């Protein structure tokens, strides 16, 4: 169930052009995240968020660097902190939960195994 958050009080107006999403994508690109995809889940009634944003990292150091840089840039430019961060110790998949936007930074084998894009195939998908 989606809940209101300070970062997205007007979640119905959240789009890929929103500052939060733009900063997330820019941070991924700055740190050379690969296969960056946003899934617009606003029209999917079963979704737990409005957007998923995914990227691959080529190694474990890059994976953590991408996640850390997203947190830094979003905090600096949007004054937001994630409600939850998970996976920084596991070194394969890091999740940053900004309530209405959930970020998945993954190693390619993990992304291939879980196939989130296929799981949420009814979402509007954009490649960045």
C-alpha atoms as a PDB file:
ATOM      1  CA  UNK A   1       0.000   0.000   0.000  1.00  0.00           C
ATOM      2  CA  UNK A   2       1.332   3.411  -0.940  1.00  0.00           C
ATOM      3  CA  UNK A   3       1.672   5.964   1.818  1.00  0.00           C
ATOM      4  CA  UNK A   4       2.186   9.681   1.741  1.00  0.00           C
ATOM      5  CA  UNK A   5       5.686  10.945   2.330  1.00  0.00           C
ATOM      6  CA  UNK A   6       7.153  14.389   2.779  1.00  0.00           C
ATOM      7  CA  UNK A   7       9.144  13.957  -0.441  1.00  0.00           C
ATOM      8  CA  UNK A   8       6.133  13.284  -2.595  1.00  0.00           C
ATOM      9  CA  UNK A   9       3.136  14.917  -0.965  1.00  0.00           C
ATOM     10  CA  UNK A  10       1.617  15.191  -4.430  1.00  0.00           C
ATOM     11  CA  UNK A  11       2.553  11.727  -5.679  1.00  0.00           C
ATOM     12  CA  UNK A  12      -0.072  11.984  -8.423  1.00  0.00           C
ATOM     13  CA  UNK A  13       2.100  14.661 -10.029  1.00  0.00           C
ATOM     14  CA  UNK A  14       5.304  12.607  -9.749  1.00  0.00           C
ATOM     15  CA  UNK A  15       6.735  12.038 -13.226  1.00  0.00           C
ATOM     16  CA  UNK A  16      10.092  11.200 -14.764  1.00  0.00           C
ATOM     17  CA  UNK A  17      10.593  14.980 -15.028  1.00  0.00           C
ATOM     18  CA  UNK A  18      10.250  15.439 -11.255  1.00  0.00           C
ATOM     19  CA  UNK A  19      13.408  16.670  -9.496  1.00  0.00           C
ATOM     20  CA  UNK A  20      13.619  13.576  -7.292  1.00  0.00           C
ATOM     21  CA  UNK A  21      13.607  11.192 -10.251  1.00  0.00           C
ATOM     22  CA  UNK A  22      15.877  13.411 -12.356  1.00  0.00           C
ATOM     23  CA  UNK A  23      18.453  13.554  -9.553  1.00  0.00           C
ATOM     24  CA  UNK A  24      18.355   9.789  -9.074  1.00  0.00           C
ATOM     25  CA  UNK A  25      18.887   9.122 -12.773  1.00  0.00           C
ATOM     26  CA  UNK A  26      21.630  11.775 -13.041  1.00  0.00           C
ATOM     27  CA  UNK A  27      23.468  10.283 -10.051  1.00  0.00           C
ATOM     28  CA  UNK A  28      23.304   6.821 -11.643  1.00  0.00           C
ATOM     29  CA  UNK A  29      24.639   8.207 -14.910  1.00  0.00           C
ATOM     30  CA  UNK A  30      27.393  10.202 -13.172  1.00  0.00           C
ATOM     31  CA  UNK A  31      28.715   7.030 -11.549  1.00  0.00           C
ATOM     32  CA  UNK A  32      28.419   5.030 -14.789  1.00  0.00           C
ATOM     33  CA  UNK A  33      25.431   2.901 -13.811  1.00  0.00           C
ATOM     34  CA  UNK A  34      24.394   0.724 -16.749  1.00  0.00           C
ATOM     35  CA  UNK A  35      21.031  -0.316 -18.182  1.00  0.00           C
ATOM     36  CA  UNK A  36      19.172   2.446 -16.340  1.00  0.00           C
ATOM     37  CA  UNK A  37      15.426   1.946 -16.514  1.00  0.00           C
ATOM     38  CA  UNK A  38      12.486   3.666 -14.855  1.00  0.00           C
ATOM     39  CA  UNK A  39       9.203   1.856 -14.410  1.00  0.00           C
ATOM     40  CA  UNK A  40       6.167   4.119 -14.045  1.00  0.00           C
ATOM     41  CA  UNK A  41       3.874   2.142 -11.754  1.00  0.00           C
ATOM     42  CA  UNK A  42       1.274   4.868 -11.237  1.00  0.00           C
ATOM     43  CA  UNK A  43      -1.311   2.995 -13.296  1.00  0.00           C
ATOM     44  CA  UNK A  44      -0.561  -0.403 -11.707  1.00  0.00           C
ATOM     45  CA  UNK A  45      -2.982  -0.889  -8.832  1.00  0.00           C
ATOM     46  CA  UNK A  46      -0.913  -3.613  -7.119  1.00  0.00           C
ATOM     47  CA  UNK A  47       2.247  -1.505  -6.989  1.00  0.00           C
ATOM     48  CA  UNK A  48       3.967  -0.570  -3.758  1.00  0.00           C
ATOM     49  CA  UNK A  49       5.435   2.649  -5.193  1.00  0.00           C
ATOM     50  CA  UNK A  50       4.843   5.071  -8.048  1.00  0.00           C
ATOM     51  CA  UNK A  51       8.232   4.442  -9.662  1.00  0.00           C
ATOM     52  CA  UNK A  52      10.978   1.851  -9.644  1.00  0.00           C
ATOM     53  CA  UNK A  53      14.342   2.955 -11.004  1.00  0.00           C
ATOM     54  CA  UNK A  54      16.879   0.231 -11.759  1.00  0.00           C
ATOM     55  CA  UNK A  55      20.509   0.133 -12.802  1.00  0.00           C
ATOM     56  CA  UNK A  56      23.385  -2.333 -13.081  1.00  0.00           C
ATOM     57  CA  UNK A  57      26.865  -1.953 -11.637  1.00  0.00           C
ATOM     58  CA  UNK A  58      29.877  -3.707 -13.109  1.00  0.00           C
ATOM     59  CA  UNK A  59      31.462  -4.478  -9.725  1.00  0.00           C
ATOM     60  CA  UNK A  60      30.755  -4.367  -6.000  1.00  0.00           C
ATOM     61  CA  UNK A  61      32.645  -1.107  -5.398  1.00  0.00           C
ATOM     62  CA  UNK A  62      30.671   0.624  -8.143  1.00  0.00           C
ATOM     63  CA  UNK A  63      27.403  -0.776  -6.744  1.00  0.00           C
ATOM     64  CA  UNK A  64      27.971   0.859  -3.360  1.00  0.00           C
ATOM     65  CA  UNK A  65      29.342   4.037  -4.977  1.00  0.00           C
ATOM     66  CA  UNK A  66      26.191   4.465  -7.071  1.00  0.00           C
ATOM     67  CA  UNK A  67      23.903   3.980  -4.066  1.00  0.00           C
ATOM     68  CA  UNK A  68      25.933   6.346  -1.881  1.00  0.00           C
ATOM     69  CA  UNK A  69      26.031   9.003  -4.610  1.00  0.00           C
ATOM     70  CA  UNK A  70      22.263   8.789  -5.143  1.00  0.00           C
ATOM     71  CA  UNK A  71      21.723   9.384  -1.425  1.00  0.00           C
ATOM     72  CA  UNK A  72      24.152  12.329  -1.447  1.00  0.00           C
ATOM     73  CA  UNK A  73      22.753  14.047  -4.563  1.00  0.00           C
ATOM     74  CA  UNK A  74      19.106  13.575  -3.587  1.00  0.00           C
ATOM     75  CA  UNK A  75      19.808  14.948  -0.128  1.00  0.00           C
ATOM     76  CA  UNK A  76      21.762  17.935  -1.510  1.00  0.00           C
ATOM     77  CA  UNK A  77      19.342  18.801  -4.315  1.00  0.00           C
ATOM     78  CA  UNK A  78      15.965  17.646  -2.983  1.00  0.00           C
ATOM     79  CA  UNK A  79      16.511  17.662   0.802  1.00  0.00           C
ATOM     80  CA  UNK A  80      15.323  14.052   0.947  1.00  0.00           C
ATOM     81  CA  UNK A  81      16.656  10.983   2.697  1.00  0.00           C
ATOM     82  CA  UNK A  82      15.516   7.444   1.964  1.00  0.00           C
ATOM     83  CA  UNK A  83      12.959   5.976   4.337  1.00  0.00           C
ATOM     84  CA  UNK A  84      14.899   2.717   4.173  1.00  0.00           C
ATOM     85  CA  UNK A  85      18.149   1.403   2.712  1.00  0.00           C
ATOM     86  CA  UNK A  86      18.801  -2.309   2.385  1.00  0.00           C
ATOM     87  CA  UNK A  87      21.536  -4.483   0.930  1.00  0.00           C
ATOM     88  CA  UNK A  88      24.701  -2.464   1.461  1.00  0.00           C
ATOM     89  CA  UNK A  89      26.284  -5.414   3.271  1.00  0.00           C
ATOM     90  CA  UNK A  90      25.102  -8.060   0.796  1.00  0.00           C
ATOM     91  CA  UNK A  91      27.030  -6.542  -2.119  1.00  0.00           C
ATOM     92  CA  UNK A  92      24.668  -7.769  -4.850  1.00  0.00           C
ATOM     93  CA  UNK A  93      21.536  -5.621  -4.647  1.00  0.00           C
ATOM     94  CA  UNK A  94      21.027  -2.311  -2.880  1.00  0.00           C
ATOM     95  CA  UNK A  95      17.553  -0.854  -2.432  1.00  0.00           C
ATOM     96  CA  UNK A  96      16.924   2.797  -1.594  1.00  0.00           C
ATOM     97  CA  UNK A  97      13.308   3.387  -0.634  1.00  0.00           C
ATOM     98  CA  UNK A  98      12.040   6.935  -1.025  1.00  0.00           C
ATOM     99  CA  UNK A  99       8.463   5.636  -0.450  1.00  0.00           C
ATOM    100  CA  UNK A 100       6.978   6.595  -3.825  1.00  0.00           C
ATOM    101  CA  UNK A 101      10.254   5.951  -5.648  1.00  0.00           C
ATOM    102  CA  UNK A 102      12.176   2.738  -4.997  1.00  0.00           C
ATOM    103  CA  UNK A 103      15.683   2.411  -6.420  1.00  0.00           C
ATOM    104  CA  UNK A 104      17.277  -0.941  -7.239  1.00  0.00           C
ATOM    105  CA  UNK A 105      21.045  -0.969  -7.862  1.00  0.00           C
ATOM    106  CA  UNK A 106      21.991  -4.504  -8.839  1.00  0.00           C
ATOM    107  CA  UNK A 107      24.767  -6.694 -10.097  1.00  0.00           C
ATOM    108  CA  UNK A 108      23.788  -8.049 -13.568  1.00  0.00           C
ATOM    109  CA  UNK A 109      23.342 -11.726 -12.526  1.00  0.00           C
ATOM    110  CA  UNK A 110      20.960 -10.690  -9.734  1.00  0.00           C
ATOM    111  CA  UNK A 111      18.981  -8.420 -12.033  1.00  0.00           C
ATOM    112  CA  UNK A 112      18.718 -11.207 -14.584  1.00  0.00           C
ATOM    113  CA  UNK A 113      17.608 -13.686 -11.915  1.00  0.00           C
ATOM    114  CA  UNK A 114      14.822 -11.526 -10.436  1.00  0.00           C
ATOM    115  CA  UNK A 115      13.701  -9.846 -13.691  1.00  0.00           C
ATOM    116  CA  UNK A 116      11.858  -6.951 -12.060  1.00  0.00           C
ATOM    117  CA  UNK A 117      11.057  -5.427 -15.441  1.00  0.00           C
ATOM    118  CA  UNK A 118       9.230  -8.631 -16.373  1.00  0.00           C
ATOM    119  CA  UNK A 119       7.512  -8.872 -12.998  1.00  0.00           C
ATOM    120  CA  UNK A 120       6.175  -5.336 -13.484  1.00  0.00           C
ATOM    121  CA  UNK A 121       5.663  -5.737 -17.259  1.00  0.00           C
ATOM    122  CA  UNK A 122       2.447  -3.700 -17.192  1.00  0.00           C
ATOM    123  CA  UNK A 123       4.370  -0.589 -16.072  1.00  0.00           C
ATOM    124  CA  UNK A 124       5.384   2.107 -18.515  1.00  0.00           C
ATOM    125  CA  UNK A 125       9.126   1.508 -19.054  1.00  0.00           C
ATOM    126  CA  UNK A 126      11.670   4.160 -20.023  1.00  0.00           C
ATOM    127  CA  UNK A 127      15.353   3.581 -20.730  1.00  0.00           C
ATOM    128  CA  UNK A 128      17.743   6.363 -19.687  1.00  0.00           C
END
